[in-house]
Amino acid sequence: VSLTCKTLGGKRASDGDGLSLVEEAVRRLFECASEWERSCLRKNPGEGWIELFRHLMMLRSKLTFDQLVGSNIKHGEERSIIRAAGQ
């Protein structure tokens, strides 16, 4: 397990940027994001590529409302749609 962790998560000395194998793969996936997606998700200093990619996946996912609070609201056809209970 130790050798696997070093290979996948450890910094590679051969790279000038010092990214791990996983970080490099995620960085390449992020480069394939649309221009609009990349403009929404700027990389902050100290932020890793894995964290940025997680934000990209959240941006791409559909917003859903798992729990509704109130007596006059209900889910519509999908959990991302909310309607008044009388409709």
Protein backbone atom coordinates (compact mmCIF):
# COMPACT_ATOMS: atom_id res chain seq x y z
CA VAL A 1 0.00 0.00 0.00
CA SER A 2 2.83 2.38 0.82
CA LEU A 3 4.34 2.17 -2.67
CA THR A 4 0.93 2.68 -4.28
CA CYS A 5 0.26 5.78 -2.17
CA LYS A 6 3.65 7.22 -3.09
CA THR A 7 3.03 6.58 -6.78
CA LEU A 8 -0.49 7.97 -6.91
CA GLY A 9 -0.42 10.69 -4.28
CA GLY A 10 3.21 11.61 -3.83
CA LYS A 11 4.94 14.43 -5.66
CA ARG A 12 6.94 13.30 -8.68
CA ALA A 13 10.48 14.63 -8.67
CA SER A 14 10.72 14.30 -12.47
CA ASP A 15 8.02 16.94 -13.00
CA GLY A 16 8.83 20.62 -12.85
CA ASP A 17 5.41 21.44 -11.40
CA GLY A 18 5.64 18.76 -8.69
CA LEU A 19 2.15 17.34 -9.23
CA SER A 20 1.26 13.82 -8.18
CA LEU A 21 -0.03 11.36 -10.76
CA VAL A 22 -3.63 11.92 -9.59
CA GLU A 23 -3.29 15.72 -9.56
CA GLU A 24 -1.85 15.69 -13.08
CA ALA A 25 -4.73 13.52 -14.34
CA VAL A 26 -7.31 15.82 -12.72
CA ARG A 27 -5.55 18.92 -14.11
CA ARG A 28 -5.83 17.46 -17.61
CA LEU A 29 -9.52 16.68 -17.08
CA PHE A 30 -10.09 20.26 -15.92
CA GLU A 31 -8.44 21.57 -19.09
CA CYS A 32 -11.20 19.80 -21.07
CA ALA A 33 -13.88 21.85 -19.29
CA SER A 34 -15.72 24.44 -21.34
CA GLU A 35 -14.53 28.03 -21.40
CA TRP A 36 -17.59 29.08 -19.38
CA GLU A 37 -16.92 26.42 -16.72
CA ARG A 38 -13.28 27.47 -16.40
CA SER A 39 -14.32 31.12 -16.09
CA CYS A 40 -16.62 30.20 -13.18
CA LEU A 41 -13.91 28.24 -11.39
CA ARG A 42 -10.70 30.20 -11.00
CA LYS A 43 -7.83 28.38 -9.27
CA ASN A 44 -6.95 30.17 -6.05
CA PRO A 45 -3.43 30.13 -4.55
CA GLY A 46 -3.02 27.03 -2.42
CA GLU A 47 -6.04 25.30 -3.98
CA GLY A 48 -5.31 21.83 -5.34
CA TRP A 49 -6.44 20.47 -8.68
CA ILE A 50 -8.48 17.74 -7.00
CA GLU A 51 -10.48 20.32 -5.05
CA LEU A 52 -11.00 22.42 -8.17
CA PHE A 53 -12.19 19.36 -10.11
CA ARG A 54 -14.66 18.55 -7.31
CA HIS A 55 -16.06 22.07 -7.69
CA LEU A 56 -16.36 21.47 -11.45
CA MET A 57 -18.36 18.29 -10.83
CA MET A 58 -20.64 20.20 -8.44
CA LEU A 59 -21.11 22.93 -11.07
CA ARG A 60 -22.13 20.31 -13.62
CA SER A 61 -24.57 18.50 -11.33
CA LYS A 62 -28.23 19.38 -11.13
CA LEU A 63 -29.35 21.32 -8.07
CA THR A 64 -31.79 19.27 -6.01
CA PHE A 65 -33.84 19.97 -2.93
CA ASP A 66 -33.73 16.90 -0.68
CA GLN A 67 -35.78 18.34 2.17
CA LEU A 68 -38.57 20.88 1.87
CA VAL A 69 -39.67 22.88 4.89
CA GLY A 70 -43.16 24.33 4.89
CA SER A 71 -46.72 23.20 4.49
CA ASN A 72 -47.54 24.67 1.06
CA ILE A 73 -44.65 23.39 -1.07
CA LYS A 74 -43.89 20.08 -2.75
CA HIS A 75 -41.53 18.60 -5.31
CA GLY A 76 -42.46 18.86 -8.96
CA GLU A 77 -41.70 16.23 -11.60
CA GLU A 78 -38.07 16.21 -10.50
CA ARG A 79 -36.41 16.97 -7.18
CA SER A 80 -34.94 20.11 -8.76
CA ILE A 81 -38.45 21.59 -9.22
CA ILE A 82 -40.55 22.99 -6.37
CA ARG A 83 -44.23 23.87 -6.66
CA ALA A 84 -46.85 25.35 -4.39
CA ALA A 85 -49.00 22.58 -2.93
CA GLY A 86 -52.16 23.96 -4.57
CA GLN A 87 -50.76 23.63 -8.13
